[in-house]
């Protein structure tokens, strides 16, 4: 739009959503060494997009045992849109708040 108005400008890409090049290898390694994780935390909707298919493949029918956590409400909505239960959303996007939410989500429910 700026160029259309005759305003000179230069465009520089400073942020790009790309998958981590080792995500599948890292997930394969974790699952083969540790088995099905108790919880998985997502820090962004794009992180979910780039890894969920592989997580579903590795987890199979055991995916229902995993507690899914989100760093914030946008990521929680992305999890829910994928049909995953959100076990916790951090009260604030900090390590302490995330750890508290995961700790609570992993506690066995008393009857």
Protein backbone atom coordinates (compact mmCIF):
# COMPACT_ATOMS: atom_id res chain seq x y z
CA UNK A 1 0.00 0.00 0.00
CA UNK A 2 2.86 2.37 0.78
CA UNK A 3 4.47 1.77 -2.59
CA UNK A 4 1.10 2.34 -4.29
CA UNK A 5 1.04 5.79 -2.63
CA UNK A 6 4.56 6.59 -3.93
CA UNK A 7 6.27 6.13 -0.58
CA UNK A 8 9.66 4.43 -0.99
CA UNK A 9 10.22 1.53 1.35
CA UNK A 10 12.28 -1.59 1.87
CA UNK A 11 10.72 -4.77 3.20
CA UNK A 12 12.73 -6.92 5.62
CA UNK A 13 11.43 -10.23 7.00
CA UNK A 14 12.17 -10.33 10.74
CA UNK A 15 9.88 -13.16 11.83
CA UNK A 16 9.03 -16.38 10.13
CA UNK A 17 7.00 -19.40 11.20
CA UNK A 18 9.08 -22.45 10.33
CA UNK A 19 9.30 -25.84 12.00
CA UNK A 20 12.37 -26.67 14.03
CA UNK A 21 14.50 -28.81 11.71
CA UNK A 22 14.93 -31.53 14.33
CA UNK A 23 11.38 -31.73 15.69
CA UNK A 24 10.53 -35.14 14.26
CA UNK A 25 13.90 -36.60 15.21
CA UNK A 26 13.60 -35.19 18.73
CA UNK A 27 10.08 -36.56 19.16
CA UNK A 28 11.15 -39.97 17.81
CA UNK A 29 14.03 -40.03 20.27
CA UNK A 30 11.87 -39.04 23.25
CA UNK A 31 9.15 -41.57 22.50
CA UNK A 32 11.63 -44.41 21.91
CA UNK A 33 13.52 -43.66 25.14
CA UNK A 34 10.72 -42.47 27.46
CA UNK A 35 7.46 -43.74 25.99
CA UNK A 36 4.23 -41.76 25.97
CA UNK A 37 4.75 -38.44 27.78
CA UNK A 38 2.56 -37.52 30.74
CA UNK A 39 2.17 -34.01 29.37
CA UNK A 40 3.05 -31.91 26.35
CA UNK A 41 3.17 -28.13 26.44
CA UNK A 42 2.67 -25.95 23.40
CA UNK A 43 4.02 -22.42 23.29
CA UNK A 44 2.40 -21.31 20.05
CA UNK A 45 -0.25 -22.36 17.56
CA UNK A 46 2.46 -22.81 14.93
CA UNK A 47 4.36 -25.20 17.21
CA UNK A 48 1.18 -27.24 17.42
CA UNK A 49 0.74 -27.15 13.65
CA UNK A 50 4.28 -28.38 13.00
CA UNK A 51 4.32 -31.21 15.54
CA UNK A 52 0.81 -32.50 16.19
CA UNK A 53 0.65 -34.93 13.27
CA UNK A 54 3.85 -36.62 14.38
CA UNK A 55 2.74 -36.66 18.03
CA UNK A 56 -0.54 -38.31 17.02
CA UNK A 57 1.34 -40.86 14.94
CA UNK A 58 3.76 -41.71 17.77
CA UNK A 59 1.08 -41.76 20.47
CA UNK A 60 -1.58 -43.76 18.64
CA UNK A 61 -4.57 -44.56 20.81
CA UNK A 62 -2.55 -43.57 23.91
CA UNK A 63 -2.86 -39.88 23.01
CA UNK A 64 -5.86 -39.74 25.37
CA UNK A 65 -3.48 -40.28 28.32
CA UNK A 66 -1.48 -37.12 27.58
CA UNK A 67 -2.27 -33.88 29.43
CA UNK A 68 -1.97 -30.97 27.01
CA UNK A 69 -0.88 -27.59 28.33
CA UNK A 70 -0.85 -24.18 26.65
CA UNK A 71 1.24 -21.12 27.44
CA UNK A 72 -1.73 -18.85 26.79
CA UNK A 73 -5.31 -18.57 25.57
CA UNK A 74 -4.49 -18.35 21.85
CA UNK A 75 -2.56 -21.60 21.98
CA UNK A 76 -5.29 -23.20 24.13
CA UNK A 77 -7.86 -22.30 21.46
CA UNK A 78 -5.62 -23.86 18.79
CA UNK A 79 -5.41 -27.09 20.85
CA UNK A 80 -9.18 -27.18 21.30
CA UNK A 81 -9.68 -26.55 17.57
CA UNK A 82 -7.65 -29.71 16.93
CA UNK A 83 -9.98 -31.66 19.20
CA UNK A 84 -7.48 -31.96 22.04
CA UNK A 85 -8.46 -31.46 25.67
CA UNK A 86 -6.63 -28.56 27.27
CA UNK A 87 -5.57 -29.72 30.72
CA UNK A 88 -4.17 -26.34 31.68
CA UNK A 89 -3.45 -22.87 30.38
CA UNK A 90 -0.80 -20.87 32.19
CA UNK A 91 -2.26 -17.99 34.21
CA UNK A 92 0.52 -15.84 32.75
CA UNK A 93 3.13 -16.64 30.10
CA UNK A 94 5.89 -17.35 32.61
CA UNK A 95 7.77 -20.53 33.51
CA UNK A 96 6.45 -20.38 37.09
CA UNK A 97 2.80 -20.07 36.05
CA UNK A 98 3.19 -22.82 33.47
CA UNK A 99 4.85 -25.16 35.97
CA UNK A 100 2.07 -24.54 38.50
CA UNK A 101 -0.61 -25.31 35.92
CA UNK A 102 1.09 -28.51 34.78
CA UNK A 103 1.67 -29.63 38.36
CA UNK A 104 -2.04 -29.20 39.09
CA UNK A 105 -3.09 -30.95 35.87
CA UNK A 106 -0.89 -33.97 36.63
CA UNK A 107 -2.19 -34.47 40.17
CA UNK A 108 -4.44 -37.49 40.50
CA UNK A 109 -8.03 -36.48 41.16
CA UNK A 110 -9.33 -37.63 44.50
CA UNK A 111 -12.73 -39.29 44.61
